[in-house]
Amino acid sequence: MKRYSSIIHILNLACACLIFTGCATNQPGAATAPPNSGHLLVYRVPNFGTDLFLVLSVDGKDVGSFTEGRNYDGYLPAGQHVITARVDPNRNGARPGRKTLTVQAGQTYSFTAAWSRENLVLVRNQ
């Protein structure tokens, strides 16, 4: 009986270590920026809509779909990129918001996806 409880204790301790290690390495900001890249942040405006997703793409490739309280936080290689924000589902035929951005290494670029009448826009944050 004592041997069995020792094995259980060791397994529990190993699982706890794995969980804590995973939490420590997955914190925002823990990753270092790739070389020759810029930091891109895209936020959802608070009144974006409760049943709508913000779908973000960079250079025509989707990089994420974000619900309430979720935002994009990533890195782009230096150079010119087209950022597109669209809504899903698009019930009212809203046009996507687009920005052409020339990324410089080491710089941070911050935008908010917001509504302008019935269309999306990407507003640069100061």
N, C-alpha and C. Protein backbone atom coordinates (compact mmCIF):
# COMPACT_ATOMS: atom_id res chain seq x y z
N MET A 1 0.82 -1.19 0.00
CA MET A 1 0.00 0.00 0.00
C MET A 1 0.86 1.25 0.00
N LYS A 2 1.93 1.26 0.77
CA LYS A 2 2.80 2.42 0.86
C LYS A 2 3.50 2.68 -0.48
N ARG A 3 3.90 1.63 -1.16
CA ARG A 3 4.57 1.76 -2.45
C ARG A 3 3.63 2.36 -3.49
N TYR A 4 2.37 1.96 -3.48
CA TYR A 4 1.37 2.48 -4.41
C TYR A 4 1.17 3.98 -4.19
N SER A 5 1.06 4.44 -2.96
CA SER A 5 0.84 5.86 -2.70
C SER A 5 2.08 6.68 -3.06
N SER A 6 3.26 6.12 -2.96
CA SER A 6 4.48 6.83 -3.37
C SER A 6 4.49 7.06 -4.87
N ILE A 7 4.07 6.06 -5.63
CA ILE A 7 4.02 6.19 -7.09
C ILE A 7 2.99 7.26 -7.47
N ILE A 8 1.84 7.26 -6.83
CA ILE A 8 0.81 8.26 -7.09
C ILE A 8 1.34 9.66 -6.77
N HIS A 9 2.04 9.78 -5.64
CA HIS A 9 2.60 11.06 -5.24
C HIS A 9 3.61 11.57 -6.28
N ILE A 10 4.45 10.71 -6.78
CA ILE A 10 5.46 11.08 -7.78
C ILE A 10 4.78 11.49 -9.09
N LEU A 11 3.76 10.74 -9.52
CA LEU A 11 3.04 11.08 -10.74
C LEU A 11 2.32 12.43 -10.61
N ASN A 12 1.71 12.68 -9.46
CA ASN A 12 1.05 13.96 -9.23
C ASN A 12 2.06 15.11 -9.28
N LEU A 13 3.20 14.92 -8.70
CA LEU A 13 4.24 15.94 -8.70
C LEU A 13 4.75 16.19 -10.12
N ALA A 14 4.92 15.13 -10.91
CA ALA A 14 5.38 15.28 -12.30
C ALA A 14 4.35 16.04 -13.13
N CYS A 15 3.06 15.73 -12.94
CA CYS A 15 2.01 16.44 -13.67
C CYS A 15 1.98 17.92 -13.29
N ALA A 16 2.12 18.21 -12.02
CA ALA A 16 2.11 19.61 -11.58
C ALA A 16 3.29 20.37 -12.19
N CYS A 17 4.45 19.74 -12.25
CA CYS A 17 5.63 20.38 -12.86
C CYS A 17 5.38 20.68 -14.34
N LEU A 18 4.78 19.74 -15.05
CA LEU A 18 4.49 19.95 -16.46
C LEU A 18 3.51 21.10 -16.67
N ILE A 19 2.50 21.17 -15.82
CA ILE A 19 1.51 22.24 -15.93
C ILE A 19 2.16 23.60 -15.67
N PHE A 20 2.94 23.69 -14.61
CA PHE A 20 3.59 24.97 -14.29
C PHE A 20 4.60 25.38 -15.35
N THR A 21 5.30 24.42 -15.92
CA THR A 21 6.25 24.73 -16.99
C THR A 21 5.52 25.26 -18.20
N GLY A 22 4.40 24.65 -18.57
CA GLY A 22 3.61 25.12 -19.70
C GLY A 22 3.05 26.51 -19.47
N CYS A 23 2.58 26.81 -18.27
CA CYS A 23 2.05 28.14 -17.97
C CYS A 23 3.15 29.19 -18.03
N ALA A 24 4.32 28.87 -17.56
CA ALA A 24 5.41 29.85 -17.54
C ALA A 24 5.91 30.17 -18.94
N THR A 25 5.89 29.22 -19.85
CA THR A 25 6.42 29.47 -21.19
C THR A 25 5.39 30.01 -22.15
N ASN A 26 4.10 30.01 -21.79
CA ASN A 26 3.06 30.48 -22.70
C ASN A 26 2.50 31.85 -22.31
N GLN A 27 3.23 32.61 -21.51
CA GLN A 27 2.78 33.93 -21.12
C GLN A 27 2.97 34.91 -22.26
N PRO A 28 2.03 35.87 -22.42
CA PRO A 28 2.20 36.89 -23.46
C PRO A 28 3.49 37.66 -23.22
N GLY A 29 4.18 37.95 -24.29
CA GLY A 29 5.42 38.70 -24.19
C GLY A 29 6.62 37.83 -23.86
N ALA A 30 6.39 36.53 -23.60
CA ALA A 30 7.50 35.66 -23.24
C ALA A 30 8.37 35.34 -24.45
N ALA A 31 7.75 35.36 -25.64
CA ALA A 31 8.50 35.03 -26.85
C ALA A 31 9.33 36.24 -27.28
N THR A 32 10.49 35.98 -27.82
CA THR A 32 11.31 37.07 -28.33
C THR A 32 10.94 37.31 -29.78
N ALA A 33 11.14 38.54 -30.21
CA ALA A 33 10.80 38.92 -31.58
C ALA A 33 11.76 38.24 -32.55
N PRO A 34 11.24 37.76 -33.66
CA PRO A 34 12.12 37.21 -34.70
C PRO A 34 13.03 38.31 -35.24
N PRO A 35 14.20 37.96 -35.72
CA PRO A 35 15.10 38.99 -36.26
C PRO A 35 14.47 39.69 -37.47
N ASN A 36 14.78 40.98 -37.62
CA ASN A 36 14.33 41.77 -38.75
C ASN A 36 12.80 41.75 -38.89
N SER A 37 12.09 41.98 -37.76
CA SER A 37 10.63 41.94 -37.78
C SER A 37 10.07 43.12 -36.99
N GLY A 38 8.79 43.38 -37.23
CA GLY A 38 8.05 44.38 -36.48
C GLY A 38 6.89 43.72 -35.77
N HIS A 39 6.42 44.36 -34.72
CA HIS A 39 5.36 43.83 -33.87
C HIS A 39 4.02 44.42 -34.33
N LEU A 40 3.04 43.57 -34.58
CA LEU A 40 1.71 44.01 -35.01
C LEU A 40 0.68 43.63 -33.96
N LEU A 41 -0.11 44.63 -33.54
CA LEU A 41 -1.21 44.43 -32.61
C LEU A 41 -2.48 44.91 -33.29
N VAL A 42 -3.54 44.10 -33.25
CA VAL A 42 -4.84 44.50 -33.79
C VAL A 42 -5.89 44.15 -32.75
N TYR A 43 -6.63 45.17 -32.33
CA TYR A 43 -7.66 45.04 -31.30
C TYR A 43 -9.05 45.12 -31.91
N ARG A 44 -9.99 44.48 -31.25
CA ARG A 44 -11.41 44.61 -31.60
C ARG A 44 -11.97 45.78 -30.81
N VAL A 45 -12.71 46.67 -31.47
CA VAL A 45 -13.39 47.75 -30.75
C VAL A 45 -14.41 47.11 -29.82
N PRO A 46 -14.63 47.67 -28.61
CA PRO A 46 -15.54 47.03 -27.65
C PRO A 46 -16.95 46.77 -28.18
N ASN A 47 -17.48 47.64 -29.06
CA ASN A 47 -18.84 47.43 -29.56
C ASN A 47 -18.84 46.72 -30.92
N PHE A 48 -17.88 45.86 -31.15
CA PHE A 48 -17.75 45.15 -32.43
C PHE A 48 -18.97 44.27 -32.71
N GLY A 49 -19.48 43.63 -31.67
CA GLY A 49 -20.64 42.74 -31.81
C GLY A 49 -20.40 41.45 -31.06
N THR A 50 -21.41 40.99 -30.34
CA THR A 50 -21.24 39.81 -29.49
C THR A 50 -21.23 38.51 -30.26
N ASP A 51 -21.90 38.46 -31.38
CA ASP A 51 -21.98 37.21 -32.13
C ASP A 51 -21.17 37.27 -33.42
N LEU A 52 -20.18 38.17 -33.47
CA LEU A 52 -19.38 38.36 -34.67
C LEU A 52 -17.91 38.07 -34.39
N PHE A 53 -17.24 37.53 -35.39
CA PHE A 53 -15.81 37.28 -35.32
C PHE A 53 -15.07 38.33 -36.14
N LEU A 54 -13.95 38.78 -35.63
CA LEU A 54 -13.03 39.60 -36.41
C LEU A 54 -12.04 38.64 -37.04
N VAL A 55 -12.02 38.58 -38.37
CA VAL A 55 -11.10 37.71 -39.08
C VAL A 55 -10.00 38.60 -39.66
N LEU A 56 -8.77 38.29 -39.30
CA LEU A 56 -7.64 39.11 -39.72
C LEU A 56 -6.76 38.32 -40.68
N SER A 57 -6.37 38.97 -41.77
CA SER A 57 -5.44 38.32 -42.69
C SER A 57 -4.30 39.28 -42.99
N VAL A 58 -3.15 38.70 -43.28
CA VAL A 58 -1.95 39.45 -43.65
C VAL A 58 -1.49 38.90 -44.99
N ASP A 59 -1.40 39.76 -45.97
CA ASP A 59 -0.98 39.38 -47.32
C ASP A 59 -1.84 38.27 -47.90
N GLY A 60 -3.14 38.33 -47.61
CA GLY A 60 -4.08 37.38 -48.17
C GLY A 60 -4.20 36.06 -47.43
N LYS A 61 -3.46 35.88 -46.35
CA LYS A 61 -3.54 34.64 -45.56
C LYS A 61 -4.13 34.94 -44.20
N ASP A 62 -5.17 34.19 -43.83
CA ASP A 62 -5.80 34.38 -42.52
C ASP A 62 -4.80 34.05 -41.40
N VAL A 63 -4.73 34.96 -40.41
CA VAL A 63 -3.84 34.74 -39.27
C VAL A 63 -4.62 34.52 -37.99
N GLY A 64 -5.94 34.69 -38.04
CA GLY A 64 -6.73 34.42 -36.85
C GLY A 64 -8.15 34.93 -36.96
N SER A 65 -8.99 34.37 -36.10
CA SER A 65 -10.39 34.74 -35.98
C SER A 65 -10.63 35.03 -34.50
N PHE A 66 -11.09 36.24 -34.19
CA PHE A 66 -11.09 36.70 -32.81
C PHE A 66 -12.49 37.06 -32.32
N THR A 67 -12.85 36.49 -31.18
CA THR A 67 -14.13 36.77 -30.54
C THR A 67 -13.94 37.90 -29.53
N GLU A 68 -14.98 38.19 -28.79
CA GLU A 68 -14.92 39.25 -27.77
C GLU A 68 -13.74 39.03 -26.82
N GLY A 69 -13.02 40.10 -26.55
CA GLY A 69 -11.91 40.05 -25.61
C GLY A 69 -10.63 39.47 -26.17
N ARG A 70 -10.62 39.07 -27.42
CA ARG A 70 -9.43 38.49 -28.06
C ARG A 70 -8.87 39.46 -29.08
N ASN A 71 -7.55 39.49 -29.19
CA ASN A 71 -6.86 40.41 -30.09
C ASN A 71 -5.70 39.69 -30.77
N TYR A 72 -5.23 40.28 -31.86
CA TYR A 72 -4.07 39.73 -32.57
C TYR A 72 -2.80 40.35 -32.01
N ASP A 73 -1.80 39.53 -31.77
CA ASP A 73 -0.50 39.97 -31.27
C ASP A 73 0.54 39.09 -31.96
N GLY A 74 1.21 39.64 -32.97
CA GLY A 74 2.17 38.83 -33.71
C GLY A 74 3.28 39.68 -34.33
N TYR A 75 4.14 39.03 -35.06
CA TYR A 75 5.29 39.68 -35.69
C TYR A 75 5.24 39.49 -37.19
N LEU A 76 5.67 40.53 -37.91
CA LEU A 76 5.74 40.48 -39.36
C LEU A 76 7.16 40.79 -39.79
N PRO A 77 7.64 40.12 -40.83
CA PRO A 77 8.97 40.46 -41.34
C PRO A 77 8.97 41.89 -41.89
N ALA A 78 10.12 42.53 -41.82
CA ALA A 78 10.24 43.88 -42.36
C ALA A 78 9.84 43.88 -43.83
N GLY A 79 9.22 44.98 -44.27
CA GLY A 79 8.77 45.10 -45.65
C GLY A 79 7.31 45.48 -45.70
N GLN A 80 6.77 45.51 -46.90
CA GLN A 80 5.39 45.94 -47.11
C GLN A 80 4.42 44.77 -46.98
N HIS A 81 3.31 45.03 -46.28
CA HIS A 81 2.28 44.03 -46.05
C HIS A 81 0.91 44.66 -46.17
N VAL A 82 -0.08 43.87 -46.57
CA VAL A 82 -1.46 44.32 -46.60
C VAL A 82 -2.20 43.58 -45.48
N ILE A 83 -2.79 44.37 -44.58
CA ILE A 83 -3.56 43.83 -43.46
C ILE A 83 -5.03 44.03 -43.77
N THR A 84 -5.81 42.96 -43.64
CA THR A 84 -7.24 43.02 -43.93
C THR A 84 -8.02 42.51 -42.73
N ALA A 85 -9.04 43.26 -42.35
CA ALA A 85 -9.95 42.86 -41.26
C ALA A 85 -11.34 42.71 -41.86
N ARG A 86 -11.96 41.57 -41.58
CA ARG A 86 -13.33 41.36 -42.06
C ARG A 86 -14.16 40.74 -40.95
N VAL A 87 -15.46 40.79 -41.11
CA VAL A 87 -16.38 40.28 -40.11
C VAL A 87 -16.95 38.95 -40.58
N ASP A 88 -17.19 38.05 -39.61
CA ASP A 88 -17.79 36.76 -39.92
C ASP A 88 -18.77 36.40 -38.81
N PRO A 89 -20.00 36.12 -39.10
CA PRO A 89 -20.62 36.12 -40.42
C PRO A 89 -20.88 37.55 -40.89
N ASN A 90 -20.82 37.72 -42.19
CA ASN A 90 -21.02 39.03 -42.81
C ASN A 90 -22.46 39.11 -43.31
N ARG A 91 -23.37 39.38 -42.41
CA ARG A 91 -24.81 39.38 -42.72
C ARG A 91 -25.25 40.59 -43.52
N ASN A 92 -24.54 41.72 -43.39
CA ASN A 92 -24.99 42.96 -44.02
C ASN A 92 -24.11 43.40 -45.18
N GLY A 93 -23.23 42.54 -45.65
CA GLY A 93 -22.37 42.88 -46.78
C GLY A 93 -21.33 43.94 -46.45
N ALA A 94 -20.84 43.95 -45.22
CA ALA A 94 -19.84 44.94 -44.80
C ALA A 94 -18.55 44.75 -45.59
N ARG A 95 -18.00 45.88 -46.05
CA ARG A 95 -16.70 45.82 -46.73
C ARG A 95 -15.61 45.67 -45.70
N PRO A 96 -14.56 44.91 -46.01
CA PRO A 96 -13.45 44.74 -45.07
C PRO A 96 -12.61 46.00 -44.97
N GLY A 97 -11.92 46.13 -43.84
CA GLY A 97 -10.97 47.21 -43.66
C GLY A 97 -9.60 46.75 -44.13
N ARG A 98 -8.87 47.61 -44.85
CA ARG A 98 -7.54 47.25 -45.37
C ARG A 98 -6.55 48.36 -45.08
N LYS A 99 -5.34 47.97 -44.77
CA LYS A 99 -4.24 48.92 -44.60
C LYS A 99 -3.00 48.31 -45.24
N THR A 100 -2.27 49.14 -45.94
CA THR A 100 -0.95 48.75 -46.42
C THR A 100 0.04 49.31 -45.43
N LEU A 101 0.92 48.46 -44.96
CA LEU A 101 1.85 48.82 -43.89
C LEU A 101 3.27 48.46 -44.30
N THR A 102 4.18 49.40 -44.18
CA THR A 102 5.58 49.12 -44.41
C THR A 102 6.24 48.92 -43.05
N VAL A 103 6.54 47.68 -42.72
CA VAL A 103 7.07 47.31 -41.41
C VAL A 103 8.58 47.55 -41.38
N GLN A 104 9.01 48.20 -40.31
CA GLN A 104 10.43 48.39 -40.05
C GLN A 104 10.81 47.55 -38.85
N ALA A 105 11.96 46.93 -38.90
CA ALA A 105 12.41 46.06 -37.81
C ALA A 105 12.44 46.82 -36.49
N GLY A 106 11.94 46.17 -35.46
CA GLY A 106 11.97 46.75 -34.12
C GLY A 106 10.82 47.69 -33.80
N GLN A 107 9.96 48.01 -34.76
CA GLN A 107 8.85 48.92 -34.53
C GLN A 107 7.58 48.15 -34.16
N THR A 108 6.69 48.82 -33.43
CA THR A 108 5.40 48.25 -33.07
C THR A 108 4.30 49.04 -33.79
N TYR A 109 3.35 48.31 -34.37
CA TYR A 109 2.23 48.90 -35.09
C TYR A 109 0.95 48.41 -34.45
N SER A 110 0.09 49.35 -34.07
CA SER A 110 -1.11 49.02 -33.33
C SER A 110 -2.33 49.60 -34.05
N PHE A 111 -3.35 48.76 -34.26
CA PHE A 111 -4.58 49.16 -34.93
C PHE A 111 -5.77 48.66 -34.13
N THR A 112 -6.90 49.32 -34.34
CA THR A 112 -8.17 48.85 -33.80
C THR A 112 -9.13 48.64 -34.96
N ALA A 113 -9.74 47.46 -35.02
CA ALA A 113 -10.77 47.18 -36.02
C ALA A 113 -12.08 47.74 -35.48
N ALA A 114 -12.66 48.69 -36.24
CA ALA A 114 -13.87 49.38 -35.78
C ALA A 114 -14.86 49.50 -36.94
N TRP A 115 -16.06 49.92 -36.58
CA TRP A 115 -17.11 50.13 -37.57
C TRP A 115 -17.13 51.58 -38.00
N SER A 116 -17.26 51.80 -39.29
CA SER A 116 -17.50 53.11 -39.86
C SER A 116 -18.76 52.96 -40.70
N ARG A 117 -19.86 53.42 -40.16
CA ARG A 117 -21.19 53.15 -40.71
C ARG A 117 -21.40 51.65 -40.72
N GLU A 118 -21.46 51.02 -41.89
CA GLU A 118 -21.69 49.57 -41.94
C GLU A 118 -20.48 48.81 -42.44
N ASN A 119 -19.32 49.46 -42.47
CA ASN A 119 -18.11 48.81 -42.97
C ASN A 119 -17.02 48.81 -41.91
N LEU A 120 -16.07 47.91 -42.08
CA LEU A 120 -14.95 47.84 -41.14
C LEU A 120 -13.82 48.77 -41.58
N VAL A 121 -13.13 49.32 -40.60
CA VAL A 121 -11.94 50.12 -40.86
C VAL A 121 -10.87 49.70 -39.85
N LEU A 122 -9.63 49.89 -40.24
CA LEU A 122 -8.50 49.68 -39.33
C LEU A 122 -7.97 51.06 -38.96
N VAL A 123 -8.13 51.42 -37.69
CA VAL A 123 -7.72 52.73 -37.21
C VAL A 123 -6.38 52.59 -36.50
N ARG A 124 -5.41 53.40 -36.92
CA ARG A 124 -4.07 53.35 -36.31
C ARG A 124 -4.14 53.95 -34.91
N ASN A 125 -3.61 53.22 -33.93
CA ASN A 125 -3.53 53.71 -32.54
C ASN A 125 -2.26 54.50 -32.36
N GLN A 126 -2.33 55.55 -31.61
CA GLN A 126 -1.15 56.40 -31.36
C GLN A 126 -0.31 55.87 -30.24
